[in-house]
Amino acid sequence: MATLASGILAGVMALLFELRDLVDLMSIGTLLSYSLVAFSVLVLRYQPDENLSKTKKTEKGTEMESVVETSPLDTAPEVGTSKILKSLCHPTSTIPTRMSGQIVYGCALLLVLLLTILSLILARWPSQVFSGDPGLTTVAVLLLLLITGVTVIIWRQPQSLTALHFK
């Protein structure tokens, strides 16, 4: 069914568009697919390994982890944004956790959004940005700084140490 549906869609597009437009669409589709794969690999690299934790439980039996209970007064200074900012730049664990995976996923989505906005600005008004227009140049520089900051946050998160199947 998938082959039939994609074949019909390709035939309809061949009837509606000129060859030059189809070649441009193919180039955009290739770029989109490579970008999607790069995004997926980036997100998967920082996810916790669920298979490893399941095998540890079955091999060693069910183990109880010691949990140190603290009173709510002990954790008062690190509640709220302080704890979140600390986990962004200085993760507490050297192995990926669920929280670090979510941080990388959110940062990767933000990175895609920032890169898209920067690309639209550079494609729409390239002469104004590079000629020194204060408004657009400031926006472009701020976007570059945000992109750099988000990239550093992703880089600081712990990576999974398991071997990937596609290497």
Protein backbone atom coordinates (compact mmCIF):
# COMPACT_ATOMS: atom_id res chain seq x y z
CA MET A 1 0.00 0.00 0.00
CA ALA A 2 2.85 2.39 0.81
CA THR A 3 4.51 1.74 -2.56
CA LEU A 4 1.24 2.23 -4.38
CA ALA A 5 0.43 5.46 -2.50
CA SER A 6 3.89 6.96 -3.05
CA GLY A 7 3.82 5.94 -6.73
CA ILE A 8 0.46 7.65 -7.25
CA LEU A 9 1.70 10.76 -5.42
CA ALA A 10 4.85 10.86 -7.60
CA GLY A 11 2.75 10.48 -10.76
CA VAL A 12 0.42 13.31 -9.76
CA MET A 13 3.38 15.56 -8.93
CA ALA A 14 4.96 14.75 -12.32
CA LEU A 15 1.75 15.85 -14.03
CA LEU A 16 1.46 19.09 -12.05
CA PHE A 17 5.05 20.36 -11.82
CA GLU A 18 7.81 21.03 -14.32
CA LEU A 19 11.01 19.00 -14.21
CA ARG A 20 13.05 21.89 -12.76
CA ASP A 21 10.59 22.25 -9.86
CA LEU A 22 10.68 18.50 -9.19
CA VAL A 23 14.49 18.55 -9.07
CA ASP A 24 14.36 21.42 -6.56
CA LEU A 25 11.80 19.51 -4.47
CA MET A 26 14.03 16.43 -4.56
CA SER A 27 16.99 18.47 -3.28
CA ILE A 28 14.88 19.92 -0.47
CA GLY A 29 13.57 16.44 0.39
CA THR A 30 17.10 15.05 0.57
CA LEU A 31 18.21 17.91 2.81
CA LEU A 32 15.17 17.40 5.03
CA SER A 33 15.79 13.67 5.38
CA TYR A 34 19.47 14.14 6.27
CA SER A 35 18.53 16.82 8.79
CA LEU A 36 15.94 14.52 10.37
CA VAL A 37 18.49 11.72 10.70
CA ALA A 38 21.06 14.08 12.25
CA PHE A 39 18.46 15.36 14.73
CA SER A 40 17.43 11.81 15.65
CA VAL A 41 21.01 10.65 16.19
CA LEU A 42 21.68 13.72 18.35
CA VAL A 43 18.67 13.02 20.54
CA LEU A 44 19.33 9.26 20.79
CA ARG A 45 22.97 9.77 21.78
CA TYR A 46 21.89 11.49 24.99
CA GLN A 47 19.01 9.18 25.99
CA PRO A 48 19.40 6.77 28.92
CA ASP A 49 19.92 3.14 27.94
CA GLU A 50 16.77 1.31 28.99
CA ASN A 51 17.96 -2.12 27.84
CA LEU A 52 21.03 -1.90 30.08
CA SER A 53 18.98 -1.14 33.17
CA LYS A 54 16.62 -4.07 32.43
CA THR A 55 19.51 -6.54 32.05
CA LYS A 56 21.10 -5.35 35.27
CA LYS A 57 17.88 -6.05 37.14
CA THR A 58 17.53 -9.55 35.70
CA GLU A 59 21.18 -10.56 36.19
CA LYS A 60 21.63 -9.31 39.72
CA GLY A 61 18.09 -9.77 40.91
CA THR A 62 16.07 -6.98 42.35
CA GLU A 63 18.32 -4.68 44.29
CA MET A 64 17.16 -1.95 46.58
CA GLU A 65 18.99 1.31 46.19
CA SER A 66 19.73 3.25 49.31
CA VAL A 67 17.88 6.51 49.28
CA VAL A 68 18.93 9.22 51.66
CA GLU A 69 15.88 10.97 52.94
CA THR A 70 16.22 14.65 53.58
CA SER A 71 13.86 17.08 55.12
CA PRO A 72 12.23 19.76 52.94
CA LEU A 73 14.26 22.39 54.76
CA ASP A 74 17.54 20.90 53.51
CA THR A 75 16.63 21.37 49.86
CA ALA A 76 15.17 24.87 50.11
CA PRO A 77 18.14 26.77 48.58
CA GLU A 78 18.19 24.62 45.42
CA VAL A 79 14.53 24.63 44.49
CA GLY A 80 13.16 26.24 41.37
CA THR A 81 15.29 27.78 38.69
CA SER A 82 18.58 27.33 40.53
CA LYS A 83 18.35 23.55 40.34
CA ILE A 84 17.27 23.66 36.68
CA LEU A 85 20.12 25.98 35.68
CA LYS A 86 22.60 23.84 37.58
CA SER A 87 21.42 20.69 35.79
CA LEU A 88 21.73 22.45 32.42
CA CYS A 89 25.39 23.39 32.73
CA HIS A 90 26.66 20.95 35.36
CA PRO A 91 24.79 17.63 35.24
CA THR A 92 24.98 15.58 38.42
CA SER A 93 25.48 12.22 36.71
CA THR A 94 28.03 10.96 34.18
CA ILE A 95 25.50 8.61 32.61
CA PRO A 96 22.38 9.84 30.82
CA THR A 97 19.24 10.13 32.90
CA ARG A 98 15.66 10.73 31.92
CA MET A 99 16.03 14.40 32.84
CA SER A 100 19.22 14.88 30.80
CA GLY A 101 17.51 13.19 27.84
CA GLN A 102 14.58 15.58 28.13
CA ILE A 103 16.95 18.54 28.38
CA VAL A 104 18.73 17.49 25.18
CA TYR A 105 15.42 16.87 23.41
CA GLY A 106 14.11 20.31 24.36
CA CYS A 107 17.39 22.01 23.49
CA ALA A 108 17.51 20.23 20.12
CA LEU A 109 14.00 21.44 19.32
CA LEU A 110 14.98 24.96 20.38
CA LEU A 111 18.10 24.69 18.23
CA VAL A 112 16.02 23.75 15.19
CA LEU A 113 13.67 26.68 15.84
CA LEU A 114 16.54 29.18 16.27
CA LEU A 115 18.33 27.93 13.15
CA THR A 116 15.11 28.18 11.15
CA ILE A 117 14.52 31.78 12.28
CA LEU A 118 18.13 32.71 11.51
CA SER A 119 17.89 31.08 8.07
CA LEU A 120 14.68 32.95 7.29
CA ILE A 121 16.24 36.27 8.32
CA LEU A 122 19.37 35.63 6.26
CA ALA A 123 17.35 34.48 3.25
CA ARG A 124 14.83 37.34 3.40
CA TRP A 125 17.11 40.30 4.22
CA PRO A 126 20.75 39.32 3.50
CA SER A 127 21.87 42.75 2.31
CA GLN A 128 20.47 44.54 5.39
CA VAL A 129 22.07 42.07 7.80
CA PHE A 130 25.51 42.24 6.20
CA SER A 131 25.44 45.98 5.46
CA GLY A 132 25.19 46.78 9.15
CA ASP A 133 21.49 47.54 9.71
CA PRO A 134 21.42 47.79 13.53
CA GLY A 135 18.09 46.02 14.02
CA LEU A 136 18.59 42.97 11.83
CA THR A 137 22.29 42.64 12.63
CA THR A 138 21.51 42.68 16.36
CA VAL A 139 18.81 40.03 15.90
CA ALA A 140 21.19 37.84 13.86
CA VAL A 141 23.97 38.17 16.45
CA LEU A 142 21.57 37.39 19.32
CA LEU A 143 20.32 34.33 17.47
CA LEU A 144 23.92 33.18 16.93
CA LEU A 145 24.65 33.64 20.64
CA LEU A 146 21.53 31.68 21.61
CA ILE A 147 22.45 28.91 19.15
CA THR A 148 25.94 28.75 20.68
CA GLY A 149 24.50 28.62 24.21
CA VAL A 150 22.04 25.85 23.37
CA THR A 151 24.83 23.88 21.67
CA VAL A 152 27.00 24.18 24.80
CA ILE A 153 24.11 22.96 26.98
CA ILE A 154 23.69 19.90 24.73
CA TRP A 155 27.45 19.29 24.76
CA ARG A 156 27.57 19.38 28.59
CA GLN A 157 24.97 16.61 29.02
CA PRO A 158 26.20 13.02 29.59
CA GLN A 159 26.29 10.79 26.51
CA SER A 160 25.28 7.16 26.31
CA LEU A 161 28.27 4.79 26.30
CA THR A 162 26.56 1.88 24.51
CA ALA A 163 27.73 0.98 21.02
CA LEU A 164 25.32 1.99 18.28
CA HIS A 165 24.12 -0.69 15.87
CA PHE A 166 24.63 1.39 12.74
CA LYS A 167 28.36 2.11 13.18
